[in-house]
mmCIF file of all heavy atoms, coordinates in Angstrom:
data_MODEL
# 
_entry.id   MODEL 
# 
loop_
_atom_site.group_PDB 
_atom_site.id 
_atom_site.type_symbol 
_atom_site.label_atom_id 
_atom_site.label_alt_id 
_atom_site.label_comp_id 
_atom_site.label_asym_id 
_atom_site.label_entity_id 
_atom_site.label_seq_id 
_atom_site.pdbx_PDB_ins_code 
_atom_site.Cartn_x 
_atom_site.Cartn_y 
_atom_site.Cartn_z 
_atom_site.occupancy 
_atom_site.B_iso_or_equiv 
_atom_site.pdbx_formal_charge 
_atom_site.auth_seq_id 
_atom_site.auth_comp_id 
_atom_site.auth_asym_id 
_atom_site.auth_atom_id 
_atom_site.pdbx_PDB_model_num 
ATOM 1   N N   . ALA A 1 1  ? 86.288  99.212  100.859 1.00 0.00 ? 1  ALA A N   1 
ATOM 2   C CA  . ALA A 1 1  ? 86.382  98.117  99.888  1.00 0.00 ? 1  ALA A CA  1 
ATOM 3   C C   . ALA A 1 1  ? 87.468  97.122  100.288 1.00 0.00 ? 1  ALA A C   1 
ATOM 4   O O   . ALA A 1 1  ? 87.279  95.898  100.200 1.00 0.00 ? 1  ALA A O   1 
ATOM 5   C CB  . ALA A 1 1  ? 86.669  98.677  98.492  1.00 0.00 ? 1  ALA A CB  1 
ATOM 6   N N   . ILE A 1 2  ? 88.604  97.637  100.743 1.00 0.00 ? 2  ILE A N   1 
ATOM 7   C CA  . ILE A 1 2  ? 89.702  96.763  101.161 1.00 0.00 ? 2  ILE A CA  1 
ATOM 8   C C   . ILE A 1 2  ? 89.313  95.974  102.410 1.00 0.00 ? 2  ILE A C   1 
ATOM 9   O O   . ILE A 1 2  ? 89.626  94.786  102.539 1.00 0.00 ? 2  ILE A O   1 
ATOM 10  C CB  . ILE A 1 2  ? 90.988  97.584  101.395 1.00 0.00 ? 2  ILE A CB  1 
ATOM 11  C CG1 . ILE A 1 2  ? 91.418  98.291  100.095 1.00 0.00 ? 2  ILE A CG1 1 
ATOM 12  C CG2 . ILE A 1 2  ? 92.124  96.696  101.903 1.00 0.00 ? 2  ILE A CG2 1 
ATOM 13  C CD1 . ILE A 1 2  ? 92.512  99.318  100.269 1.00 0.00 ? 2  ILE A CD1 1 
ATOM 14  N N   . SER A 1 3  ? 88.583  96.618  103.314 1.00 0.00 ? 3  SER A N   1 
ATOM 15  C CA  . SER A 1 3  ? 88.128  95.927  104.527 1.00 0.00 ? 3  SER A CA  1 
ATOM 16  C C   . SER A 1 3  ? 87.220  94.751  104.189 1.00 0.00 ? 3  SER A C   1 
ATOM 17  O O   . SER A 1 3  ? 87.280  93.706  104.851 1.00 0.00 ? 3  SER A O   1 
ATOM 18  C CB  . SER A 1 3  ? 87.377  96.900  105.446 1.00 0.00 ? 3  SER A CB  1 
ATOM 19  O OG  . SER A 1 3  ? 88.272  97.821  106.035 1.00 0.00 ? 3  SER A OG  1 
ATOM 20  N N   . ARG A 1 4  ? 86.387  94.920  103.160 1.00 0.00 ? 4  ARG A N   1 
ATOM 21  C CA  . ARG A 1 4  ? 85.509  93.821  102.763 1.00 0.00 ? 4  ARG A CA  1 
ATOM 22  C C   . ARG A 1 4  ? 86.321  92.604  102.330 1.00 0.00 ? 4  ARG A C   1 
ATOM 23  O O   . ARG A 1 4  ? 85.983  91.464  102.655 1.00 0.00 ? 4  ARG A O   1 
ATOM 24  C CB  . ARG A 1 4  ? 84.584  94.269  101.632 1.00 0.00 ? 4  ARG A CB  1 
ATOM 25  C CG  . ARG A 1 4  ? 83.529  95.282  102.052 1.00 0.00 ? 4  ARG A CG  1 
ATOM 26  C CD  . ARG A 1 4  ? 82.505  95.515  100.956 1.00 0.00 ? 4  ARG A CD  1 
ATOM 27  N NE  . ARG A 1 4  ? 81.667  96.672  101.264 1.00 0.00 ? 4  ARG A NE  1 
ATOM 28  C CZ  . ARG A 1 4  ? 81.812  97.863  100.714 1.00 0.00 ? 4  ARG A CZ  1 
ATOM 29  N NH1 . ARG A 1 4  ? 82.757  98.075  99.804  1.00 0.00 ? 4  ARG A NH1 1 
ATOM 30  N NH2 . ARG A 1 4  ? 81.008  98.851  101.044 1.00 0.00 ? 4  ARG A NH2 1 
ATOM 31  N N   . LEU A 1 5  ? 87.407  92.854  101.597 1.00 0.00 ? 5  LEU A N   1 
ATOM 32  C CA  . LEU A 1 5  ? 88.279  91.747  101.182 1.00 0.00 ? 5  LEU A CA  1 
ATOM 33  C C   . LEU A 1 5  ? 88.942  91.098  102.389 1.00 0.00 ? 5  LEU A C   1 
ATOM 34  O O   . LEU A 1 5  ? 88.984  89.861  102.502 1.00 0.00 ? 5  LEU A O   1 
ATOM 35  C CB  . LEU A 1 5  ? 89.337  92.260  100.206 1.00 0.00 ? 5  LEU A CB  1 
ATOM 36  C CG  . LEU A 1 5  ? 88.844  92.720  98.833  1.00 0.00 ? 5  LEU A CG  1 
ATOM 37  C CD1 . LEU A 1 5  ? 89.981  93.376  98.053  1.00 0.00 ? 5  LEU A CD1 1 
ATOM 38  C CD2 . LEU A 1 5  ? 88.266  91.558  98.037  1.00 0.00 ? 5  LEU A CD2 1 
ATOM 39  N N   . LEU A 1 6  ? 89.465  91.928  103.298 1.00 0.00 ? 6  LEU A N   1 
ATOM 40  C CA  . LEU A 1 6  ? 90.132  91.395  104.485 1.00 0.00 ? 6  LEU A CA  1 
ATOM 41  C C   . LEU A 1 6  ? 89.159  90.605  105.357 1.00 0.00 ? 6  LEU A C   1 
ATOM 42  O O   . LEU A 1 6  ? 89.496  89.530  105.865 1.00 0.00 ? 6  LEU A O   1 
ATOM 43  C CB  . LEU A 1 6  ? 90.755  92.540  105.290 1.00 0.00 ? 6  LEU A CB  1 
ATOM 44  C CG  . LEU A 1 6  ? 91.925  93.268  104.625 1.00 0.00 ? 6  LEU A CG  1 
ATOM 45  C CD1 . LEU A 1 6  ? 92.258  94.543  105.392 1.00 0.00 ? 6  LEU A CD1 1 
ATOM 46  C CD2 . LEU A 1 6  ? 93.152  92.380  104.530 1.00 0.00 ? 6  LEU A CD2 1 
ATOM 47  N N   . ASN A 1 7  ? 87.948  91.128  105.510 1.00 0.00 ? 7  ASN A N   1 
ATOM 48  C CA  . ASN A 1 7  ? 86.952  90.449  106.337 1.00 0.00 ? 7  ASN A CA  1 
ATOM 49  C C   . ASN A 1 7  ? 86.459  89.156  105.701 1.00 0.00 ? 7  ASN A C   1 
ATOM 50  O O   . ASN A 1 7  ? 85.928  88.276  106.389 1.00 0.00 ? 7  ASN A O   1 
ATOM 51  C CB  . ASN A 1 7  ? 85.772  91.385  106.618 1.00 0.00 ? 7  ASN A CB  1 
ATOM 52  C CG  . ASN A 1 7  ? 86.152  92.530  107.537 1.00 0.00 ? 7  ASN A CG  1 
ATOM 53  O OD1 . ASN A 1 7  ? 87.068  92.410  108.345 1.00 0.00 ? 7  ASN A OD1 1 
ATOM 54  N ND2 . ASN A 1 7  ? 85.470  93.653  107.405 1.00 0.00 ? 7  ASN A ND2 1 
ATOM 55  N N   . ALA A 1 8  ? 86.651  89.043  104.369 1.00 0.00 ? 8  ALA A N   1 
ATOM 56  C CA  . ALA A 1 8  ? 86.303  87.799  103.671 1.00 0.00 ? 8  ALA A CA  1 
ATOM 57  C C   . ALA A 1 8  ? 87.485  86.837  103.615 1.00 0.00 ? 8  ALA A C   1 
ATOM 58  O O   . ALA A 1 8  ? 87.446  85.840  102.889 1.00 0.00 ? 8  ALA A O   1 
ATOM 59  C CB  . ALA A 1 8  ? 85.818  88.114  102.263 1.00 0.00 ? 8  ALA A CB  1 
ATOM 60  N N   . ALA A 1 9  ? 88.537  87.144  104.386 1.00 0.00 ? 9  ALA A N   1 
ATOM 61  C CA  . ALA A 1 9  ? 89.734  86.292  104.524 1.00 0.00 ? 9  ALA A CA  1 
ATOM 62  C C   . ALA A 1 9  ? 90.610  86.285  103.274 1.00 0.00 ? 9  ALA A C   1 
ATOM 63  O O   . ALA A 1 9  ? 91.409  85.371  103.087 1.00 0.00 ? 9  ALA A O   1 
ATOM 64  C CB  . ALA A 1 9  ? 89.354  84.873  104.919 1.00 0.00 ? 9  ALA A CB  1 
ATOM 65  N N   . PHE A 1 10 ? 90.483  87.316  102.411 1.00 0.00 ? 10 PHE A N   1 
ATOM 66  C CA  . PHE A 1 10 ? 91.427  87.471  101.316 1.00 0.00 ? 10 PHE A CA  1 
ATOM 67  C C   . PHE A 1 10 ? 92.648  88.253  101.795 1.00 0.00 ? 10 PHE A C   1 
ATOM 68  O O   . PHE A 1 10 ? 92.568  89.046  102.737 1.00 0.00 ? 10 PHE A O   1 
ATOM 69  C CB  . PHE A 1 10 ? 90.783  88.225  100.146 1.00 0.00 ? 10 PHE A CB  1 
ATOM 70  C CG  . PHE A 1 10 ? 89.788  87.418  99.360  1.00 0.00 ? 10 PHE A CG  1 
ATOM 71  C CD1 . PHE A 1 10 ? 88.429  87.679  99.446  1.00 0.00 ? 10 PHE A CD1 1 
ATOM 72  C CD2 . PHE A 1 10 ? 90.209  86.386  98.522  1.00 0.00 ? 10 PHE A CD2 1 
ATOM 73  C CE1 . PHE A 1 10 ? 87.501  86.938  98.727  1.00 0.00 ? 10 PHE A CE1 1 
ATOM 74  C CE2 . PHE A 1 10 ? 89.294  85.639  97.791  1.00 0.00 ? 10 PHE A CE2 1 
ATOM 75  C CZ  . PHE A 1 10 ? 87.935  85.920  97.894  1.00 0.00 ? 10 PHE A CZ  1 
ATOM 76  N N   . VAL A 1 11 ? 93.769  88.037  101.114 1.00 0.00 ? 11 VAL A N   1 
ATOM 77  C CA  . VAL A 1 11 ? 94.994  88.794  101.375 1.00 0.00 ? 11 VAL A CA  1 
ATOM 78  C C   . VAL A 1 11 ? 95.291  89.632  100.133 1.00 0.00 ? 11 VAL A C   1 
ATOM 79  O O   . VAL A 1 11 ? 95.781  89.104  99.128  1.00 0.00 ? 11 VAL A O   1 
ATOM 80  C CB  . VAL A 1 11 ? 96.173  87.850  101.693 1.00 0.00 ? 11 VAL A CB  1 
ATOM 81  C CG1 . VAL A 1 11 ? 97.455  88.657  101.884 1.00 0.00 ? 11 VAL A CG1 1 
ATOM 82  C CG2 . VAL A 1 11 ? 95.879  87.024  102.934 1.00 0.00 ? 11 VAL A CG2 1 
ATOM 83  N N   . PRO A 1 12 ? 94.985  90.929  100.145 1.00 0.00 ? 12 PRO A N   1 
ATOM 84  C CA  . PRO A 1 12 ? 95.222  91.775  98.978  1.00 0.00 ? 12 PRO A CA  1 
ATOM 85  C C   . PRO A 1 12 ? 96.717  91.923  98.686  1.00 0.00 ? 12 PRO A C   1 
ATOM 86  O O   . PRO A 1 12 ? 97.525  92.132  99.592  1.00 0.00 ? 12 PRO A O   1 
ATOM 87  C CB  . PRO A 1 12 ? 94.610  93.120  99.371  1.00 0.00 ? 12 PRO A CB  1 
ATOM 88  C CG  . PRO A 1 12 ? 93.653  92.806  100.485 1.00 0.00 ? 12 PRO A CG  1 
ATOM 89  C CD  . PRO A 1 12 ? 94.281  91.660  101.218 1.00 0.00 ? 12 PRO A CD  1 
ATOM 90  N N   . VAL A 1 13 ? 97.058  91.807  97.400  1.00 0.00 ? 13 VAL A N   1 
ATOM 91  C CA  . VAL A 1 13 ? 98.434  92.023  96.937  1.00 0.00 ? 13 VAL A CA  1 
ATOM 92  C C   . VAL A 1 13 ? 98.389  93.153  95.911  1.00 0.00 ? 13 VAL A C   1 
ATOM 93  O O   . VAL A 1 13 ? 97.917  92.967  94.790  1.00 0.00 ? 13 VAL A O   1 
ATOM 94  C CB  . VAL A 1 13 ? 99.028  90.745  96.309  1.00 0.00 ? 13 VAL A CB  1 
ATOM 95  C CG1 . VAL A 1 13 ? 100.440 91.019  95.787  1.00 0.00 ? 13 VAL A CG1 1 
ATOM 96  C CG2 . VAL A 1 13 ? 99.052  89.610  97.328  1.00 0.00 ? 13 VAL A CG2 1 
ATOM 97  N N   . PHE A 1 14 ? 98.861  94.330  96.313  1.00 0.00 ? 14 PHE A N   1 
ATOM 98  C CA  . PHE A 1 14 ? 98.779  95.513  95.470  1.00 0.00 ? 14 PHE A CA  1 
ATOM 99  C C   . PHE A 1 14 ? 100.072 95.730  94.687  1.00 0.00 ? 14 PHE A C   1 
ATOM 100 O O   . PHE A 1 14 ? 101.169 95.713  95.262  1.00 0.00 ? 14 PHE A O   1 
ATOM 101 C CB  . PHE A 1 14 ? 98.533  96.762  96.318  1.00 0.00 ? 14 PHE A CB  1 
ATOM 102 C CG  . PHE A 1 14 ? 97.121  96.910  96.801  1.00 0.00 ? 14 PHE A CG  1 
ATOM 103 C CD1 . PHE A 1 14 ? 96.751  96.440  98.057  1.00 0.00 ? 14 PHE A CD1 1 
ATOM 104 C CD2 . PHE A 1 14 ? 96.159  97.520  96.016  1.00 0.00 ? 14 PHE A CD2 1 
ATOM 105 C CE1 . PHE A 1 14 ? 95.453  96.574  98.511  1.00 0.00 ? 14 PHE A CE1 1 
ATOM 106 C CE2 . PHE A 1 14 ? 94.860  97.665  96.450  1.00 0.00 ? 14 PHE A CE2 1 
ATOM 107 C CZ  . PHE A 1 14 ? 94.495  97.190  97.705  1.00 0.00 ? 14 PHE A CZ  1 
ATOM 108 N N   . CYS A 1 15 ? 99.938  95.950  93.391  1.00 0.00 ? 15 CYS A N   1 
ATOM 109 C CA  . CYS A 1 15 ? 101.074 96.401  92.604  1.00 0.00 ? 15 CYS A CA  1 
ATOM 110 C C   . CYS A 1 15 ? 101.153 97.928  92.693  1.00 0.00 ? 15 CYS A C   1 
ATOM 111 O O   . CYS A 1 15 ? 100.256 98.579  93.235  1.00 0.00 ? 15 CYS A O   1 
ATOM 112 C CB  . CYS A 1 15 ? 100.941 95.954  91.140  1.00 0.00 ? 15 CYS A CB  1 
ATOM 113 S SG  . CYS A 1 15 ? 99.614  96.775  90.224  1.00 0.00 ? 15 CYS A SG  1 
ATOM 114 N N   . ALA A 1 16 ? 102.224 98.496  92.159  1.00 0.00 ? 16 ALA A N   1 
ATOM 115 C CA  . ALA A 1 16 ? 102.481 99.929  92.313  1.00 0.00 ? 16 ALA A CA  1 
ATOM 116 C C   . ALA A 1 16 ? 101.784 100.750 91.228  1.00 0.00 ? 16 ALA A C   1 
ATOM 117 O O   . ALA A 1 16 ? 102.427 101.495 90.473  1.00 0.00 ? 16 ALA A O   1 
ATOM 118 C CB  . ALA A 1 16 ? 103.987 100.186 92.294  1.00 0.00 ? 16 ALA A CB  1 
ATOM 119 N N   . MET A 1 17 ? 100.451 100.607 91.165  1.00 0.00 ? 17 MET A N   1 
ATOM 120 C CA  . MET A 1 17 ? 99.670  101.357 90.193  1.00 0.00 ? 17 MET A CA  1 
ATOM 121 C C   . MET A 1 17 ? 98.377  101.853 90.832  1.00 0.00 ? 17 MET A C   1 
ATOM 122 O O   . MET A 1 17 ? 97.727  101.130 91.592  1.00 0.00 ? 17 MET A O   1 
ATOM 123 C CB  . MET A 1 17 ? 99.349  100.507 88.963  1.00 0.00 ? 17 MET A CB  1 
ATOM 124 C CG  . MET A 1 17 ? 100.574 100.036 88.200  1.00 0.00 ? 17 MET A CG  1 
ATOM 125 S SD  . MET A 1 17 ? 100.167 99.394  86.571  1.00 0.00 ? 17 MET A SD  1 
ATOM 126 C CE  . MET A 1 17 ? 99.804  100.930 85.701  1.00 0.00 ? 17 MET A CE  1 
ATOM 127 N N   . SER A 1 18 ? 98.016  103.098 90.507  1.00 0.00 ? 18 SER A N   1 
ATOM 128 C CA  . SER A 1 18 ? 96.766  103.691 90.951  1.00 0.00 ? 18 SER A CA  1 
ATOM 129 C C   . SER A 1 18 ? 95.963  104.086 89.706  1.00 0.00 ? 18 SER A C   1 
ATOM 130 O O   . SER A 1 18 ? 96.323  103.724 88.584  1.00 0.00 ? 18 SER A O   1 
ATOM 131 C CB  . SER A 1 18 ? 97.059  104.917 91.826  1.00 0.00 ? 18 SER A CB  1 
ATOM 132 O OG  . SER A 1 18 ? 97.827  105.877 91.105  1.00 0.00 ? 18 SER A OG  1 
ATOM 133 N N   . HIS A 1 19 ? 94.881  104.837 89.908  1.00 0.00 ? 19 HIS A N   1 
ATOM 134 C CA  . HIS A 1 19 ? 94.119  105.339 88.757  1.00 0.00 ? 19 HIS A CA  1 
ATOM 135 C C   . HIS A 1 19 ? 93.445  106.648 89.141  1.00 0.00 ? 19 HIS A C   1 
ATOM 136 O O   . HIS A 1 19 ? 93.385  107.008 90.326  1.00 0.00 ? 19 HIS A O   1 
ATOM 137 C CB  . HIS A 1 19 ? 93.088  104.307 88.285  1.00 0.00 ? 19 HIS A CB  1 
ATOM 138 C CG  . HIS A 1 19 ? 91.847  104.257 89.140  1.00 0.00 ? 19 HIS A CG  1 
ATOM 139 N ND1 . HIS A 1 19 ? 90.578  104.337 88.618  1.00 0.00 ? 19 HIS A ND1 1 
ATOM 140 C CD2 . HIS A 1 19 ? 91.681  104.156 90.491  1.00 0.00 ? 19 HIS A CD2 1 
ATOM 141 C CE1 . HIS A 1 19 ? 89.686  104.271 89.588  1.00 0.00 ? 19 HIS A CE1 1 
ATOM 142 N NE2 . HIS A 1 19 ? 90.327  104.149 90.728  1.00 0.00 ? 19 HIS A NE2 1 
ATOM 143 N N   . ASP A 1 20 ? 92.964  107.386 88.130  1.00 0.00 ? 20 ASP A N   1 
ATOM 144 C CA  . ASP A 1 20 ? 92.400  108.709 88.397  1.00 0.00 ? 20 ASP A CA  1 
ATOM 145 C C   . ASP A 1 20 ? 90.884  108.734 88.423  1.00 0.00 ? 20 ASP A C   1 
ATOM 146 O O   . ASP A 1 20 ? 90.277  109.812 88.550  1.00 0.00 ? 20 ASP A O   1 
ATOM 147 C CB  . ASP A 1 20 ? 92.922  109.740 87.387  1.00 0.00 ? 20 ASP A CB  1 
ATOM 148 C CG  . ASP A 1 20 ? 92.414  109.513 85.965  1.00 0.00 ? 20 ASP A CG  1 
ATOM 149 O OD1 . ASP A 1 20 ? 91.719  108.501 85.721  1.00 0.00 ? 20 ASP A OD1 1 
ATOM 150 O OD2 . ASP A 1 20 ? 92.729  110.351 85.093  1.00 0.00 ? 20 ASP A OD2 1 
ATOM 151 N N   . GLY A 1 21 ? 90.243  107.573 88.285  1.00 0.00 ? 21 GLY A N   1 
ATOM 152 C CA  . GLY A 1 21 ? 88.792  107.527 88.284  1.00 0.00 ? 21 GLY A CA  1 
ATOM 153 C C   . GLY A 1 21 ? 88.158  107.933 86.978  1.00 0.00 ? 21 GLY A C   1 
ATOM 154 O O   . GLY A 1 21 ? 86.934  107.921 86.831  1.00 0.00 ? 21 GLY A O   1 
ATOM 155 N N   . LYS A 1 22 ? 88.988  108.299 86.002  1.00 0.00 ? 22 LYS A N   1 
ATOM 156 C CA  . LYS A 1 22 ? 88.485  108.736 84.693  1.00 0.00 ? 22 LYS A CA  1 
ATOM 157 C C   . LYS A 1 22 ? 89.012  107.843 83.571  1.00 0.00 ? 22 LYS A C   1 
ATOM 158 O O   . LYS A 1 22 ? 89.011  108.228 82.410  1.00 0.00 ? 22 LYS A O   1 
ATOM 159 C CB  . LYS A 1 22 ? 88.897  110.183 84.439  1.00 0.00 ? 22 LYS A CB  1 
ATOM 160 C CG  . LYS A 1 22 ? 88.399  111.159 85.495  1.00 0.00 ? 22 LYS A CG  1 
ATOM 161 C CD  . LYS A 1 22 ? 88.973  112.548 85.280  1.00 0.00 ? 22 LYS A CD  1 
ATOM 162 C CE  . LYS A 1 22 ? 88.538  113.498 86.398  1.00 0.00 ? 22 LYS A CE  1 
ATOM 163 N NZ  . LYS A 1 22 ? 89.142  114.844 86.251  1.00 0.00 ? 22 LYS A NZ  1 
ATOM 164 N N   . GLY A 1 23 ? 89.488  106.655 83.968  1.00 0.00 ? 23 GLY A N   1 
ATOM 165 C CA  . GLY A 1 23 ? 89.962  105.696 82.976  1.00 0.00 ? 23 GLY A CA  1 
ATOM 166 C C   . GLY A 1 23 ? 91.458  105.666 82.766  1.00 0.00 ? 23 GLY A C   1 
ATOM 167 O O   . GLY A 1 23 ? 91.945  104.907 81.925  1.00 0.00 ? 23 GLY A O   1 
ATOM 168 N N   . GLN A 1 24 ? 92.197  106.450 83.541  1.00 0.00 ? 24 GLN A N   1 
ATOM 169 C CA  . GLN A 1 24 ? 93.638  106.534 83.348  1.00 0.00 ? 24 GLN A CA  1 
ATOM 170 C C   . GLN A 1 24 ? 94.398  105.823 84.466  1.00 0.00 ? 24 GLN A C   1 
ATOM 171 O O   . GLN A 1 24 ? 94.290  106.177 85.638  1.00 0.00 ? 24 GLN A O   1 
ATOM 172 C CB  . GLN A 1 24 ? 94.092  108.003 83.300  1.00 0.00 ? 24 GLN A CB  1 
ATOM 173 C CG  . GLN A 1 24 ? 95.586  108.187 83.050  1.00 0.00 ? 24 GLN A CG  1 
ATOM 174 C CD  . GLN A 1 24 ? 96.011  107.640 81.711  1.00 0.00 ? 24 GLN A CD  1 
ATOM 175 O OE1 . GLN A 1 24 ? 95.543  108.098 80.673  1.00 0.00 ? 24 GLN A OE1 1 
ATOM 176 N NE2 . GLN A 1 24 ? 96.899  106.662 81.727  1.00 0.00 ? 24 GLN A NE2 1 
ATOM 177 N N   . LEU A 1 25 ? 95.174  104.785 84.102  1.00 0.00 ? 25 LEU A N   1 
ATOM 178 C CA  . LEU A 1 25 ? 96.086  104.160 85.053  1.00 0.00 ? 25 LEU A CA  1 
ATOM 179 C C   . LEU A 1 25 ? 97.278  105.062 85.291  1.00 0.00 ? 25 LEU A C   1 
ATOM 180 O O   . LEU A 1 25 ? 97.692  105.820 84.394  1.00 0.00 ? 25 LEU A O   1 
ATOM 181 C CB  . LEU A 1 25 ? 96.566  102.811 84.520  1.00 0.00 ? 25 LEU A CB  1 
ATOM 182 C CG  . LEU A 1 25 ? 95.547  101.672 84.503  1.00 0.00 ? 25 LEU A CG  1 
ATOM 183 C CD1 . LEU A 1 25 ? 96.077  100.506 83.684  1.00 0.00 ? 25 LEU A CD1 1 
ATOM 184 C CD2 . LEU A 1 25 ? 95.205  101.226 85.921  1.00 0.00 ? 25 LEU A CD2 1 
ATOM 185 N N   . LEU A 1 26 ? 97.870  104.977 86.483  1.00 0.00 ? 26 LEU A N   1 
ATOM 186 C CA  . LEU A 1 26 ? 99.000  105.838 86.835  1.00 0.00 ? 26 LEU A CA  1 
ATOM 187 C C   . LEU A 1 26 ? 100.066 105.036 87.579  1.00 0.00 ? 26 LEU A C   1 
ATOM 188 O O   . LEU A 1 26 ? 99.751  104.248 88.480  1.00 0.00 ? 26 LEU A O   1 
ATOM 189 C CB  . LEU A 1 26 ? 98.528  107.004 87.716  1.00 0.00 ? 26 LEU A CB  1 
ATOM 190 C CG  . LEU A 1 26 ? 97.560  107.993 87.062  1.00 0.00 ? 26 LEU A CG  1 
ATOM 191 C CD1 . LEU A 1 26 ? 96.883  108.862 88.122  1.00 0.00 ? 26 LEU A CD1 1 
ATOM 192 C CD2 . LEU A 1 26 ? 98.278  108.860 86.032  1.00 0.00 ? 26 LEU A CD2 1 
# 
């Protein structure tokens, strides 16, 4: 998914948050 953004010339800026795939931010 990240490669698709990079290949589309976007520059991803990630904040320090992940998720568990079940609706919970971490």
